[in-house]
Amino acid sequence: MPRPVAFRPEMRDTVVTALLNGSTYRAACEAAGIPWSTWKDWSKAHREGGHPDPDVDALVSAAREAYGRATNELSASVRTAAADDWRAAAWQLEHRQGDPKARHDERRARWEAEI
């Protein structure tokens, strides 16, 4: 289990910039030197009323906002591409219905259980 990490101000810029550029939470945390388990703990505390450290709470809040903005921008790009290519529209429709990998994993688990 990794050692707990103390918040450093440069973490905020690294995480937010990475998320705005389309990164996943896990990759953004890795770039900032935040272990994934630490991020999950910080996020859980934020959801449950706020982290005791206001800087960490502000980081999680800013990260959620940045992730949402990037997702909206990526969706707009796909929508623009969908005007010229039906595959982009099909991809966007499929991904709006939930996580396709989760659906695939669920079908595979059922198939393996039948064997």
Protein backbone atom coordinates (compact mmCIF):
# COMPACT_ATOMS: atom_id res chain seq x y z
CA MET A 1 0.00 0.00 0.00
CA PRO A 2 1.48 3.37 -0.98
CA ARG A 3 2.36 5.92 1.63
CA PRO A 4 -0.13 8.76 2.04
CA VAL A 5 0.70 11.82 -0.01
CA ALA A 6 0.46 15.36 1.27
CA PHE A 7 -1.16 17.94 -0.97
CA ARG A 8 1.22 20.23 -2.86
CA PRO A 9 -0.11 23.29 -4.74
CA GLU A 10 1.44 22.20 -8.05
CA MET A 11 -0.70 19.05 -7.96
CA ARG A 12 -3.80 21.11 -8.67
CA ASP A 13 -2.43 22.61 -11.90
CA THR A 14 -1.11 19.25 -13.11
CA VAL A 15 -4.35 17.37 -12.46
CA VAL A 16 -6.66 20.07 -13.83
CA THR A 17 -4.55 20.66 -16.96
CA ALA A 18 -4.35 16.93 -17.69
CA LEU A 19 -8.10 16.51 -17.27
CA LEU A 20 -8.87 19.50 -19.47
CA ASN A 21 -6.68 17.91 -22.15
CA GLY A 22 -8.79 14.74 -22.09
CA SER A 23 -6.82 12.60 -19.65
CA THR A 24 -8.42 10.08 -17.32
CA TYR A 25 -8.45 10.69 -13.59
CA ARG A 26 -5.94 7.89 -13.07
CA ALA A 27 -3.47 9.25 -15.63
CA ALA A 28 -3.84 12.81 -14.31
CA CYS A 29 -3.12 11.62 -10.79
CA GLU A 30 -0.09 9.68 -11.96
CA ALA A 31 1.26 12.80 -13.69
CA ALA A 32 0.84 14.75 -10.45
CA GLY A 33 2.42 12.05 -8.29
CA ILE A 34 -0.80 11.16 -6.48
CA PRO A 35 -1.27 7.43 -5.90
CA TRP A 36 -4.62 6.16 -7.17
CA SER A 37 -5.63 4.91 -3.72
CA THR A 38 -4.96 8.37 -2.28
CA TRP A 39 -7.11 9.99 -4.98
CA LYS A 40 -9.94 7.57 -4.25
CA ASP A 41 -9.71 8.42 -0.53
CA TRP A 42 -9.73 12.15 -1.26
CA SER A 43 -12.69 11.79 -3.63
CA LYS A 44 -14.64 9.71 -1.14
CA ALA A 45 -14.07 12.29 1.59
CA HIS A 46 -15.18 15.04 -0.81
CA ARG A 47 -18.41 13.17 -1.63
CA GLU A 48 -19.13 12.54 2.03
CA GLY A 49 -19.16 16.18 3.03
CA GLY A 50 -15.71 17.49 2.32
CA HIS A 51 -12.10 16.61 2.97
CA PRO A 52 -10.62 18.03 6.20
CA ASP A 53 -7.93 19.79 4.15
CA PRO A 54 -9.64 22.59 2.19
CA ASP A 55 -6.89 22.49 -0.47
CA VAL A 56 -7.58 18.82 -1.19
CA ASP A 57 -11.31 19.49 -1.24
CA ALA A 58 -10.77 22.33 -3.73
CA LEU A 59 -8.55 20.08 -5.87
CA VAL A 60 -11.20 17.36 -6.10
CA SER A 61 -13.88 19.92 -6.88
CA ALA A 62 -11.75 21.56 -9.60
CA ALA A 63 -10.88 18.16 -11.05
CA ARG A 64 -14.54 17.18 -11.32
CA GLU A 65 -15.33 20.45 -13.07
CA ALA A 66 -12.38 20.07 -15.47
CA TYR A 67 -13.35 16.48 -16.29
CA GLY A 68 -16.92 17.57 -17.04
CA ARG A 69 -15.78 20.43 -19.27
CA ALA A 70 -13.39 18.16 -21.19
CA THR A 71 -16.11 15.55 -21.63
CA ASN A 72 -18.46 18.16 -23.05
CA GLU A 73 -15.78 19.43 -25.43
CA LEU A 74 -14.97 15.91 -26.60
CA SER A 75 -18.66 15.22 -27.16
CA ALA A 76 -18.93 18.38 -29.25
CA SER A 77 -15.97 17.24 -31.36
CA VAL A 78 -17.57 13.86 -31.97
CA ARG A 79 -20.87 15.53 -32.80
CA THR A 80 -19.07 17.69 -35.37
CA ALA A 81 -17.41 14.60 -36.86
CA ALA A 82 -20.76 12.80 -36.91
CA ALA A 83 -22.05 15.29 -39.46
CA ASP A 84 -19.63 13.78 -42.00
CA ASP A 85 -19.27 10.20 -40.77
CA TRP A 86 -22.05 7.97 -39.42
CA ARG A 87 -19.51 5.95 -37.40
CA ALA A 88 -18.82 8.92 -35.14
CA ALA A 89 -22.56 9.26 -34.48
CA ALA A 90 -22.85 5.54 -33.75
CA TRP A 91 -19.87 5.68 -31.41
CA GLN A 92 -21.32 8.63 -29.51
CA LEU A 93 -24.73 6.96 -29.18
CA GLU A 94 -23.14 3.77 -27.88
CA HIS A 95 -21.06 5.63 -25.30
CA ARG A 96 -23.97 7.75 -24.09
CA GLN A 97 -25.71 4.56 -23.04
CA GLY A 98 -23.05 3.71 -20.47
CA ASP A 99 -19.64 2.14 -20.30
CA PRO A 100 -19.27 -0.29 -23.24
CA LYS A 101 -16.39 -2.13 -21.57
CA ALA A 102 -18.54 -2.78 -18.51
CA ARG A 103 -21.26 -4.24 -20.73
CA HIS A 104 -18.71 -6.40 -22.52
CA ASP A 105 -17.25 -7.62 -19.22
CA GLU A 106 -20.72 -8.45 -17.94
CA ARG A 107 -21.56 -10.47 -21.08
CA ARG A 108 -18.23 -12.26 -20.89
CA ALA A 109 -18.75 -13.12 -17.21
CA ARG A 110 -22.17 -14.60 -18.01
CA TRP A 111 -20.72 -16.56 -20.92
CA GLU A 112 -17.88 -17.92 -18.78
CA ALA A 113 -20.35 -18.87 -16.03
CA GLU A 114 -22.32 -20.93 -18.54
CA ILE A 115 -19.24 -22.90 -19.58
